[in-house]
């Protein structure tokens, strides 16, 4: 299996990341990994569901079927201010697009 194209999910609106998934799949990368940490995890889940359901104008241009292949959770230790280490949850969601892509009209 090829390495997935990674989309880092942060504080932007969900559809910014849906568009990033669309652009990656248009470029030929049908396997896309959403990667998020901390409070952005819920946004990553929203993005995955929007893509899977092909909900909205942008997502409707995704391949015919977008499926969630794997979901992984982890925790990462980050060096905070004053040298303190804090543990932050992280999540990886792999999306696979199959079928024809709808062209923009």
PDB file of N, CA and C in Angstrom:
ATOM      1  N   UNK A   1       0.855  -1.195   0.000  1.00  0.00           N
ATOM      2  CA  UNK A   1       0.000   0.000   0.000  1.00  0.00           C
ATOM      3  C   UNK A   1       0.892   1.247   0.000  1.00  0.00           C
ATOM      4  N   UNK A   2       0.510   2.233  -0.768  1.00  0.00           N
ATOM      5  CA  UNK A   2       1.308   3.449  -0.876  1.00  0.00           C
ATOM      6  C   UNK A   2       1.121   4.323   0.360  1.00  0.00           C
ATOM      7  N   UNK A   3       2.065   5.234   0.532  1.00  0.00           N
ATOM      8  CA  UNK A   3       1.967   6.172   1.648  1.00  0.00           C
ATOM      9  C   UNK A   3       0.826   7.157   1.380  1.00  0.00           C
ATOM     10  N   UNK A   4      -0.013   7.424   2.380  1.00  0.00           N
ATOM     11  CA  UNK A   4      -1.113   8.363   2.163  1.00  0.00           C
ATOM     12  C   UNK A   4      -0.628   9.809   2.131  1.00  0.00           C
ATOM     13  N   UNK A   5      -1.371  10.653   1.429  1.00  0.00           N
ATOM     14  CA  UNK A   5      -1.130  12.097   1.466  1.00  0.00           C
ATOM     15  C   UNK A   5      -1.698  12.577   2.792  1.00  0.00           C
ATOM     16  N   UNK A   6      -0.959  13.367   3.535  1.00  0.00           N
ATOM     17  CA  UNK A   6      -1.387  13.790   4.875  1.00  0.00           C
ATOM     18  C   UNK A   6      -1.989  15.191   4.817  1.00  0.00           C
ATOM     19  N   UNK A   7      -3.174  15.328   5.431  1.00  0.00           N
ATOM     20  CA  UNK A   7      -3.823  16.621   5.608  1.00  0.00           C
ATOM     21  C   UNK A   7      -3.884  16.859   7.112  1.00  0.00           C
ATOM     22  N   UNK A   8      -3.183  17.896   7.580  1.00  0.00           N
ATOM     23  CA  UNK A   8      -3.174  18.225   9.002  1.00  0.00           C
ATOM     24  C   UNK A   8      -4.401  19.074   9.320  1.00  0.00           C
ATOM     25  N   UNK A   9      -5.226  18.608  10.246  1.00  0.00           N
ATOM     26  CA  UNK A   9      -6.454  19.310  10.607  1.00  0.00           C
ATOM     27  C   UNK A   9      -6.175  20.166  11.833  1.00  0.00           C
ATOM     28  N   UNK A  10      -6.534  21.453  11.722  1.00  0.00           N
ATOM     29  CA  UNK A  10      -6.301  22.405  12.815  1.00  0.00           C
ATOM     30  C   UNK A  10      -7.541  23.217  13.118  1.00  0.00           C
ATOM     31  N   UNK A  11      -7.379  24.551  13.117  1.00  0.00           N
ATOM     32  CA  UNK A  11      -8.457  25.439  13.567  1.00  0.00           C
ATOM     33  C   UNK A  11      -9.325  26.027  12.457  1.00  0.00           C
ATOM     34  N   UNK A  12      -8.975  25.781  11.199  1.00  0.00           N
ATOM     35  CA  UNK A  12      -9.765  26.333  10.096  1.00  0.00           C
ATOM     36  C   UNK A  12     -11.146  25.673  10.039  1.00  0.00           C
ATOM     37  N   UNK A  13     -12.086  26.256   9.286  1.00  0.00           N
ATOM     38  CA  UNK A  13     -13.401  25.611   9.128  1.00  0.00           C
ATOM     39  C   UNK A  13     -13.262  24.253   8.432  1.00  0.00           C
ATOM     40  N   UNK A  14     -14.169  23.336   8.743  1.00  0.00           N
ATOM     41  CA  UNK A  14     -14.120  21.965   8.224  1.00  0.00           C
ATOM     42  C   UNK A  14     -13.988  21.903   6.715  1.00  0.00           C
ATOM     43  N   UNK A  15     -14.722  22.770   5.997  1.00  0.00           N
ATOM     44  CA  UNK A  15     -14.718  22.676   4.535  1.00  0.00           C
ATOM     45  C   UNK A  15     -13.375  23.047   3.920  1.00  0.00           C
ATOM     46  N   UNK A  16     -12.511  23.749   4.664  1.00  0.00           N
ATOM     47  CA  UNK A  16     -11.144  24.000   4.179  1.00  0.00           C
ATOM     48  C   UNK A  16     -10.400  22.672   4.041  1.00  0.00           C
ATOM     49  N   UNK A  17     -10.628  21.776   4.990  1.00  0.00           N
ATOM     50  CA  UNK A  17      -9.959  20.471   4.974  1.00  0.00           C
ATOM     51  C   UNK A  17     -10.621  19.523   3.977  1.00  0.00           C
ATOM     52  N   UNK A  18     -11.935  19.655   3.806  1.00  0.00           N
ATOM     53  CA  UNK A  18     -12.628  18.858   2.781  1.00  0.00           C
ATOM     54  C   UNK A  18     -12.054  19.227   1.415  1.00  0.00           C
ATOM     55  N   UNK A  19     -11.824  20.523   1.212  1.00  0.00           N
ATOM     56  CA  UNK A  19     -11.246  20.984  -0.053  1.00  0.00           C
ATOM     57  C   UNK A  19      -9.828  20.449  -0.231  1.00  0.00           C
ATOM     58  N   UNK A  20      -9.066  20.383   0.854  1.00  0.00           N
ATOM     59  CA  UNK A  20      -7.706  19.831   0.788  1.00  0.00           C
ATOM     60  C   UNK A  20      -7.740  18.351   0.406  1.00  0.00           C
ATOM     61  N   UNK A  21      -8.722  17.606   0.941  1.00  0.00           N
ATOM     62  CA  UNK A  21      -8.891  16.192   0.586  1.00  0.00           C
ATOM     63  C   UNK A  21      -9.249  16.083  -0.895  1.00  0.00           C
ATOM     64  N   UNK A  22     -10.152  16.942  -1.357  1.00  0.00           N
ATOM     65  CA  UNK A  22     -10.562  16.957  -2.763  1.00  0.00           C
ATOM     66  C   UNK A  22      -9.361  17.223  -3.669  1.00  0.00           C
ATOM     67  N   UNK A  23      -8.551  18.217  -3.323  1.00  0.00           N
ATOM     68  CA  UNK A  23      -7.385  18.560  -4.155  1.00  0.00           C
ATOM     69  C   UNK A  23      -6.393  17.400  -4.195  1.00  0.00           C
ATOM     70  N   UNK A  24      -6.183  16.737  -3.062  1.00  0.00           N
ATOM     71  CA  UNK A  24      -5.258  15.598  -3.022  1.00  0.00           C
ATOM     72  C   UNK A  24      -5.766  14.473  -3.910  1.00  0.00           C
ATOM     73  N   UNK A  25      -7.074  14.203  -3.854  1.00  0.00           N
ATOM     74  CA  UNK A  25      -7.636  13.124  -4.663  1.00  0.00           C
ATOM     75  C   UNK A  25      -7.643  13.489  -6.147  1.00  0.00           C
ATOM     76  N   UNK A  26      -7.823  14.779  -6.455  1.00  0.00           N
ATOM     77  CA  UNK A  26      -7.745  15.230  -7.854  1.00  0.00           C
ATOM     78  C   UNK A  26      -6.334  15.044  -8.402  1.00  0.00           C
ATOM     79  N   UNK A  27      -5.333  15.226  -7.518  1.00  0.00           N
ATOM     80  CA  UNK A  27      -3.928  15.058  -7.916  1.00  0.00           C
ATOM     81  C   UNK A  27      -3.552  13.588  -8.071  1.00  0.00           C
ATOM     82  N   UNK A  28      -4.481  12.697  -7.780  1.00  0.00           N
ATOM     83  CA  UNK A  28      -4.213  11.275  -7.959  1.00  0.00           C
ATOM     84  C   UNK A  28      -3.941  10.509  -6.675  1.00  0.00           C
ATOM     85  N   UNK A  29      -3.887  11.209  -5.540  1.00  0.00           N
ATOM     86  CA  UNK A  29      -3.684  10.522  -4.256  1.00  0.00           C
ATOM     87  C   UNK A  29      -5.040  10.120  -3.702  1.00  0.00           C
ATOM     88  N   UNK A  30      -5.442   8.880  -3.973  1.00  0.00           N
ATOM     89  CA  UNK A  30      -6.769   8.433  -3.529  1.00  0.00           C
ATOM     90  C   UNK A  30      -6.784   7.995  -2.073  1.00  0.00           C
ATOM     91  N   UNK A  31      -5.606   7.860  -1.465  1.00  0.00           N
ATOM     92  CA  UNK A  31      -5.520   7.530  -0.046  1.00  0.00           C
ATOM     93  C   UNK A  31      -5.041   8.785   0.683  1.00  0.00           C
ATOM     94  N   UNK A  32      -5.893   9.329   1.542  1.00  0.00           N
ATOM     95  CA  UNK A  32      -5.589  10.578   2.247  1.00  0.00           C
ATOM     96  C   UNK A  32      -5.712  10.336   3.743  1.00  0.00           C
ATOM     97  N   UNK A  33      -4.724  10.807   4.504  1.00  0.00           N
ATOM     98  CA  UNK A  33      -4.747  10.666   5.961  1.00  0.00           C
ATOM     99  C   UNK A  33      -5.040  12.020   6.596  1.00  0.00           C
ATOM    100  N   UNK A  34      -6.115  12.066   7.382  1.00  0.00           N
ATOM    101  CA  UNK A  34      -6.399  13.243   8.200  1.00  0.00           C
ATOM    102  C   UNK A  34      -5.659  13.052   9.511  1.00  0.00           C
ATOM    103  N   UNK A  35      -4.905  14.056   9.911  1.00  0.00           N
ATOM    104  CA  UNK A  35      -4.122  13.948  11.137  1.00  0.00           C
ATOM    105  C   UNK A  35      -4.472  15.140  12.018  1.00  0.00           C
ATOM    106  N   UNK A  36      -4.856  14.852  13.267  1.00  0.00           N
ATOM    107  CA  UNK A  36      -5.258  15.925  14.174  1.00  0.00           C
ATOM    108  C   UNK A  36      -4.791  15.631  15.590  1.00  0.00           C
ATOM    109  N   UNK A  37      -4.609  16.718  16.359  1.00  0.00           N
ATOM    110  CA  UNK A  37      -4.224  16.579  17.767  1.00  0.00           C
ATOM    111  C   UNK A  37      -5.154  17.414  18.629  1.00  0.00           C
ATOM    112  N   UNK A  38      -5.387  16.941  19.842  1.00  0.00           N
ATOM    113  CA  UNK A  38      -6.123  17.717  20.832  1.00  0.00           C
ATOM    114  C   UNK A  38      -7.531  18.083  20.394  1.00  0.00           C
ATOM    115  N   UNK A  39      -7.839  19.369  20.499  1.00  0.00           N
ATOM    116  CA  UNK A  39      -9.194  19.841  20.216  1.00  0.00           C
ATOM    117  C   UNK A  39      -9.579  19.744  18.749  1.00  0.00           C
ATOM    118  N   UNK A  40      -8.607  19.573  17.860  1.00  0.00           N
ATOM    119  CA  UNK A  40      -8.900  19.464  16.423  1.00  0.00           C
ATOM    120  C   UNK A  40      -9.409  18.074  16.044  1.00  0.00           C
ATOM    121  N   UNK A  41      -9.356  17.110  16.975  1.00  0.00           N
ATOM    122  CA  UNK A  41      -9.793  15.747  16.666  1.00  0.00           C
ATOM    123  C   UNK A  41     -11.255  15.723  16.240  1.00  0.00           C
ATOM    124  N   UNK A  42     -12.111  16.457  16.942  1.00  0.00           N
ATOM    125  CA  UNK A  42     -13.533  16.447  16.570  1.00  0.00           C
ATOM    126  C   UNK A  42     -13.747  17.030  15.177  1.00  0.00           C
ATOM    127  N   UNK A  43     -12.952  18.018  14.803  1.00  0.00           N
ATOM    128  CA  UNK A  43     -13.056  18.588  13.457  1.00  0.00           C
ATOM    129  C   UNK A  43     -12.614  17.566  12.405  1.00  0.00           C
ATOM    130  N   UNK A  44     -11.587  16.794  12.711  1.00  0.00           N
ATOM    131  CA  UNK A  44     -11.113  15.751  11.785  1.00  0.00           C
ATOM    132  C   UNK A  44     -12.199  14.704  11.567  1.00  0.00           C
ATOM    133  N   UNK A  45     -12.909  14.332  12.633  1.00  0.00           N
ATOM    134  CA  UNK A  45     -14.015  13.375  12.511  1.00  0.00           C
ATOM    135  C   UNK A  45     -15.111  13.969  11.632  1.00  0.00           C
ATOM    136  N   UNK A  46     -15.426  15.255  11.835  1.00  0.00           N
ATOM    137  CA  UNK A  46     -16.430  15.929  11.006  1.00  0.00           C
ATOM    138  C   UNK A  46     -16.018  15.914   9.538  1.00  0.00           C
ATOM    139  N   UNK A  47     -14.758  16.231   9.261  1.00  0.00           N
ATOM    140  CA  UNK A  47     -14.247  16.249   7.879  1.00  0.00           C
ATOM    141  C   UNK A  47     -14.374  14.863   7.253  1.00  0.00           C
ATOM    142  N   UNK A  48     -14.005  13.824   8.009  1.00  0.00           N
ATOM    143  CA  UNK A  48     -14.086  12.452   7.497  1.00  0.00           C
ATOM    144  C   UNK A  48     -15.535  12.100   7.144  1.00  0.00           C
ATOM    145  N   UNK A  49     -16.470  12.487   7.996  1.00  0.00           N
ATOM    146  CA  UNK A  49     -17.881  12.179   7.750  1.00  0.00           C
ATOM    147  C   UNK A  49     -18.440  12.980   6.574  1.00  0.00           C
ATOM    148  N   UNK A  50     -18.044  14.238   6.450  1.00  0.00           N
ATOM    149  CA  UNK A  50     -18.480  15.062   5.309  1.00  0.00           C
ATOM    150  C   UNK A  50     -17.990  14.418   4.007  1.00  0.00           C
ATOM    151  N   UNK A  51     -16.739  13.974   4.007  1.00  0.00           N
ATOM    152  CA  UNK A  51     -16.172  13.335   2.811  1.00  0.00           C
ATOM    153  C   UNK A  51     -16.863  12.005   2.530  1.00  0.00           C
ATOM    154  N   UNK A  52     -17.074  11.212   3.569  1.00  0.00           N
ATOM    155  CA  UNK A  52     -17.677   9.891   3.396  1.00  0.00           C
ATOM    156  C   UNK A  52     -19.099  10.004   2.842  1.00  0.00           C
ATOM    157  N   UNK A  53     -19.840  10.977   3.339  1.00  0.00           N
ATOM    158  CA  UNK A  53     -21.227  11.162   2.888  1.00  0.00           C
ATOM    159  C   UNK A  53     -21.321  12.024   1.631  1.00  0.00           C
ATOM    160  N   UNK A  54     -20.172  12.613   1.222  1.00  0.00           N
ATOM    161  CA  UNK A  54     -20.119  13.523   0.064  1.00  0.00           C
ATOM    162  C   UNK A  54     -21.155  14.618   0.241  1.00  0.00           C
ATOM    163  N   UNK A  55     -21.142  15.241   1.423  1.00  0.00           N
ATOM    164  CA  UNK A  55     -22.129  16.244   1.808  1.00  0.00           C
ATOM    165  C   UNK A  55     -21.645  17.640   1.403  1.00  0.00           C
ATOM    166  N   UNK A  56     -22.459  18.354   0.655  1.00  0.00           N
ATOM    167  CA  UNK A  56     -22.111  19.717   0.276  1.00  0.00           C
ATOM    168  C   UNK A  56     -21.540  19.800  -1.132  1.00  0.00           C
ATOM    169  N   UNK A  57     -21.421  21.017  -1.627  1.00  0.00           N
ATOM    170  CA  UNK A  57     -20.988  21.258  -3.004  1.00  0.00           C
ATOM    171  C   UNK A  57     -19.555  20.773  -3.227  1.00  0.00           C
ATOM    172  N   UNK A  58     -18.655  21.118  -2.312  1.00  0.00           N
ATOM    173  CA  UNK A  58     -17.248  20.737  -2.483  1.00  0.00           C
ATOM    174  C   UNK A  58     -17.104  19.221  -2.410  1.00  0.00           C
ATOM    175  N   UNK A  59     -17.704  18.603  -1.394  1.00  0.00           N
ATOM    176  CA  UNK A  59     -17.566  17.159  -1.196  1.00  0.00           C
ATOM    177  C   UNK A  59     -18.245  16.355  -2.296  1.00  0.00           C
ATOM    178  N   UNK A  60     -19.241  16.943  -2.962  1.00  0.00           N
ATOM    179  CA  UNK A  60     -19.931  16.220  -4.036  1.00  0.00           C
ATOM    180  C   UNK A  60     -19.009  15.975  -5.229  1.00  0.00           C
ATOM    181  N   UNK A  61     -17.874  16.690  -5.299  1.00  0.00           N
ATOM    182  CA  UNK A  61     -16.911  16.496  -6.388  1.00  0.00           C
ATOM    183  C   UNK A  61     -15.893  15.397  -6.073  1.00  0.00           C
ATOM    184  N   UNK A  62     -15.980  14.813  -4.875  1.00  0.00           N
ATOM    185  CA  UNK A  62     -15.088  13.711  -4.496  1.00  0.00           C
ATOM    186  C   UNK A  62     -15.434  12.463  -5.303  1.00  0.00           C
ATOM    187  N   UNK A  63     -14.577  11.436  -5.259  1.00  0.00           N
ATOM    188  CA  UNK A  63     -14.899  10.182  -5.955  1.00  0.00           C
ATOM    189  C   UNK A  63     -16.241   9.599  -5.509  1.00  0.00           C
ATOM    190  N   UNK A  64     -16.790   8.690  -6.339  1.00  0.00           N
ATOM    191  CA  UNK A  64     -18.114   8.115  -6.076  1.00  0.00           C
ATOM    192  C   UNK A  64     -18.258   7.566  -4.669  1.00  0.00           C
ATOM    193  N   UNK A  65     -17.264   6.840  -4.191  1.00  0.00           N
ATOM    194  CA  UNK A  65     -17.314   6.356  -2.809  1.00  0.00           C
ATOM    195  C   UNK A  65     -16.036   6.755  -2.079  1.00  0.00           C
ATOM    196  N   UNK A  66     -16.215   7.312  -0.905  1.00  0.00           N
ATOM    197  CA  UNK A  66     -15.097   7.637  -0.026  1.00  0.00           C
ATOM    198  C   UNK A  66     -15.336   6.839   1.240  1.00  0.00           C
ATOM    199  N   UNK A  67     -14.393   5.963   1.568  1.00  0.00           N
ATOM    200  CA  UNK A  67     -14.575   5.140   2.755  1.00  0.00           C
ATOM    201  C   UNK A  67     -13.471   5.404   3.768  1.00  0.00           C
ATOM    202  N   UNK A  68     -13.821   5.209   5.024  1.00  0.00           N
ATOM    203  CA  UNK A  68     -12.848   5.337   6.099  1.00  0.00           C
ATOM    204  C   UNK A  68     -12.174   3.974   6.227  1.00  0.00           C
ATOM    205  N   UNK A  69     -10.879   3.933   5.922  1.00  0.00           N
ATOM    206  CA  UNK A  69     -10.141   2.669   5.900  1.00  0.00           C
ATOM    207  C   UNK A  69      -9.659   2.306   7.303  1.00  0.00           C
ATOM    208  N   UNK A  70      -8.971   3.239   7.951  1.00  0.00           N
ATOM    209  CA  UNK A  70      -8.477   2.984   9.307  1.00  0.00           C
ATOM    210  C   UNK A  70      -8.609   4.234  10.157  1.00  0.00           C
ATOM    211  N   UNK A  71      -8.751   4.014  11.441  1.00  0.00           N
ATOM    212  CA  UNK A  71      -8.726   5.091  12.430  1.00  0.00           C
ATOM    213  C   UNK A  71      -7.743   4.658  13.504  1.00  0.00           C
ATOM    214  N   UNK A  72      -6.755   5.513  13.766  1.00  0.00           N
ATOM    215  CA  UNK A  72      -5.768   5.215  14.806  1.00  0.00           C
ATOM    216  C   UNK A  72      -5.774   6.339  15.819  1.00  0.00           C
ATOM    217  N   UNK A  73      -5.606   5.975  17.072  1.00  0.00           N
ATOM    218  CA  UNK A  73      -5.447   6.992  18.114  1.00  0.00           C
ATOM    219  C   UNK A  73      -4.091   6.800  18.758  1.00  0.00           C
ATOM    220  N   UNK A  74      -3.577   7.870  19.306  1.00  0.00           N
ATOM    221  CA  UNK A  74      -2.250   7.848  19.893  1.00  0.00           C
ATOM    222  C   UNK A  74      -2.167   9.021  20.859  1.00  0.00           C
ATOM    223  N   UNK A  75      -1.091   9.118  21.575  1.00  0.00           N
ATOM    224  CA  UNK A  75      -0.834  10.323  22.352  1.00  0.00           C
ATOM    225  C   UNK A  75       0.606  10.741  22.105  1.00  0.00           C
ATOM    226  N   UNK A  76       0.789  12.037  22.047  1.00  0.00           N
ATOM    227  CA  UNK A  76       2.086  12.608  21.713  1.00  0.00           C
ATOM    228  C   UNK A  76       2.513  13.489  22.883  1.00  0.00           C
ATOM    229  N   UNK A  77       3.766  13.415  23.239  1.00  0.00           N
ATOM    230  CA  UNK A  77       4.270  14.301  24.294  1.00  0.00           C
ATOM    231  C   UNK A  77       4.881  15.530  23.642  1.00  0.00           C
ATOM    232  N   UNK A  78       4.364  16.690  24.032  1.00  0.00           N
ATOM    233  CA  UNK A  78       4.852  17.955  23.483  1.00  0.00           C
ATOM    234  C   UNK A  78       5.555  18.742  24.572  1.00  0.00           C
ATOM    235  N   UNK A  79       6.610  19.445  24.158  1.00  0.00           N
ATOM    236  CA  UNK A  79       7.338  20.294  25.081  1.00  0.00           C
ATOM    237  C   UNK A  79       6.594  21.611  25.172  1.00  0.00           C
ATOM    238  N   UNK A  80       6.053  21.913  26.334  1.00  0.00           N
ATOM    239  CA  UNK A  80       5.297  23.154  26.522  1.00  0.00           C
ATOM    240  C   UNK A  80       6.196  24.286  26.943  1.00  0.00           C
ATOM    241  N   UNK A  81       5.554  25.401  27.281  1.00  0.00           N
ATOM    242  CA  UNK A  81       6.323  26.543  27.784  1.00  0.00           C
ATOM    243  C   UNK A  81       6.937  26.168  29.121  1.00  0.00           C
ATOM    244  N   UNK A  82       7.994  26.844  29.490  1.00  0.00           N
ATOM    245  CA  UNK A  82       8.708  26.612  30.744  1.00  0.00           C
ATOM    246  C   UNK A  82       9.264  25.185  30.835  1.00  0.00           C
ATOM    247  N   UNK A  83       9.439  24.529  29.681  1.00  0.00           N
ATOM    248  CA  UNK A  83      10.064  23.218  29.651  1.00  0.00           C
ATOM    249  C   UNK A  83       9.205  22.070  30.146  1.00  0.00           C
ATOM    250  N   UNK A  84       7.932  22.335  30.421  1.00  0.00           N
ATOM    251  CA  UNK A  84       7.058  21.256  30.890  1.00  0.00           C
ATOM    252  C   UNK A  84       6.602  20.395  29.716  1.00  0.00           C
ATOM    253  N   UNK A  85       6.454  19.114  29.973  1.00  0.00           N
ATOM    254  CA  UNK A  85       5.980  18.183  28.950  1.00  0.00           C
ATOM    255  C   UNK A  85       4.509  17.920  29.188  1.00  0.00           C
ATOM    256  N   UNK A  86       3.722  18.018  28.106  1.00  0.00           N
ATOM    257  CA  UNK A  86       2.310  17.665  28.259  1.00  0.00           C
ATOM    258  C   UNK A  86       1.940  16.633  27.202  1.00  0.00           C
ATOM    259  N   UNK A  87       1.011  15.768  27.569  1.00  0.00           N
ATOM    260  CA  UNK A  87       0.580  14.705  26.680  1.00  0.00           C
ATOM    261  C   UNK A  87      -0.691  15.139  25.964  1.00  0.00           C
ATOM    262  N   UNK A  88      -0.672  15.034  24.637  1.00  0.00           N
ATOM    263  CA  UNK A  88      -1.814  15.445  23.816  1.00  0.00           C
ATOM    264  C   UNK A  88      -2.282  14.249  22.998  1.00  0.00           C
ATOM    265  N   UNK A  89      -3.587  14.037  22.964  1.00  0.00           N
ATOM    266  CA  UNK A  89      -4.143  12.958  22.148  1.00  0.00           C
ATOM    267  C   UNK A  89      -4.019  13.301  20.680  1.00  0.00           C
ATOM    268  N   UNK A  90      -3.828  12.279  19.851  1.00  0.00           N
ATOM    269  CA  UNK A  90      -3.792  12.515  18.407  1.00  0.00           C
ATOM    270  C   UNK A  90      -4.588  11.416  17.716  1.00  0.00           C
ATOM    271  N   UNK A  91      -5.074  11.732  16.521  1.00  0.00           N
ATOM    272  CA  UNK A  91      -5.887  10.782  15.763  1.00  0.00           C
ATOM    273  C   UNK A  91      -5.517  10.849  14.300  1.00  0.00           C
ATOM    274  N   UNK A  92      -5.524   9.670  13.668  1.00  0.00           N
ATOM    275  CA  UNK A  92      -5.244   9.562  12.240  1.00  0.00           C
ATOM    276  C   UNK A  92      -6.425   8.847  11.607  1.00  0.00           C
ATOM    277  N   UNK A  93      -6.994   9.442  10.573  1.00  0.00           N
ATOM    278  CA  UNK A  93      -8.121   8.832   9.866  1.00  0.00           C
ATOM    279  C   UNK A  93      -7.717   8.709   8.402  1.00  0.00           C
ATOM    280  N   UNK A  94      -7.671   7.472   7.886  1.00  0.00           N
ATOM    281  CA  UNK A  94      -7.321   7.242   6.483  1.00  0.00           C
ATOM    282  C   UNK A  94      -8.584   7.120   5.650  1.00  0.00           C
ATOM    283  N   UNK A  95      -8.677   7.960   4.614  1.00  0.00           N
ATOM    284  CA  UNK A  95      -9.814   7.957   3.695  1.00  0.00           C
ATOM    285  C   UNK A  95      -9.361   7.406   2.347  1.00  0.00           C
ATOM    286  N   UNK A  96     -10.181   6.566   1.744  1.00  0.00           N
ATOM    287  CA  UNK A  96      -9.876   6.014   0.423  1.00  0.00           C
ATOM    288  C   UNK A  96     -11.002   6.386  -0.529  1.00  0.00           C
ATOM    289  N   UNK A  97     -10.638   7.056  -1.613  1.00  0.00           N
ATOM    290  CA  UNK A  97     -11.619   7.441  -2.640  1.00  0.00           C
ATOM    291  C   UNK A  97     -11.565   6.468  -3.802  1.00  0.00           C
ATOM    292  N   UNK A  98     -12.731   5.926  -4.164  1.00  0.00           N
ATOM    293  CA  UNK A  98     -12.800   4.979  -5.281  1.00  0.00           C
ATOM    294  C   UNK A  98     -13.879   5.413  -6.249  1.00  0.00           C
ATOM    295  N   UNK A  99     -13.632   5.180  -7.532  1.00  0.00           N
ATOM    296  CA  UNK A  99     -14.603   5.520  -8.556  1.00  0.00           C
ATOM    297  C   UNK A  99     -14.259   6.818  -9.247  1.00  0.00           C
ATOM    298  N   UNK A 100     -15.151   7.206 -10.149  1.00  0.00           N
ATOM    299  CA  UNK A 100     -14.936   8.426 -10.941  1.00  0.00           C
ATOM    300  C   UNK A 100     -15.163   9.670 -10.092  1.00  0.00           C
ATOM    301  N   UNK A 101     -14.439  10.719 -10.444  1.00  0.00           N
ATOM    302  CA  UNK A 101     -14.643  12.010  -9.778  1.00  0.00           C
ATOM    303  C   UNK A 101     -15.538  12.866 -10.645  1.00  0.00           C
ATOM    304  N   UNK A 102     -16.455  13.578 -10.003  1.00  0.00           N
ATOM    305  CA  UNK A 102     -17.358  14.482 -10.718  1.00  0.00           C
ATOM    306  C   UNK A 102     -16.575  15.725 -11.104  1.00  0.00           C
ATOM    307  N   UNK A 103     -16.696  16.145 -12.332  1.00  0.00           N
ATOM    308  CA  UNK A 103     -16.016  17.340 -12.789  1.00  0.00           C
ATOM    309  C   UNK A 103     -16.816  18.581 -12.398  1.00  0.00           C
ATOM    310  N   UNK A 104     -16.107  19.686 -12.211  1.00  0.00           N
ATOM    311  CA  UNK A 104     -16.796  20.940 -11.908  1.00  0.00           C
ATOM    312  C   UNK A 104     -17.567  21.382 -13.132  1.00  0.00           C
ATOM    313  N   UNK A 105     -18.724  21.973 -12.874  1.00  0.00           N
ATOM    314  CA  UNK A 105     -19.565  22.414 -14.008  1.00  0.00           C
ATOM    315  C   UNK A 105     -19.369  23.874 -14.278  1.00  0.00           C
TER     316      UNK A 105
END
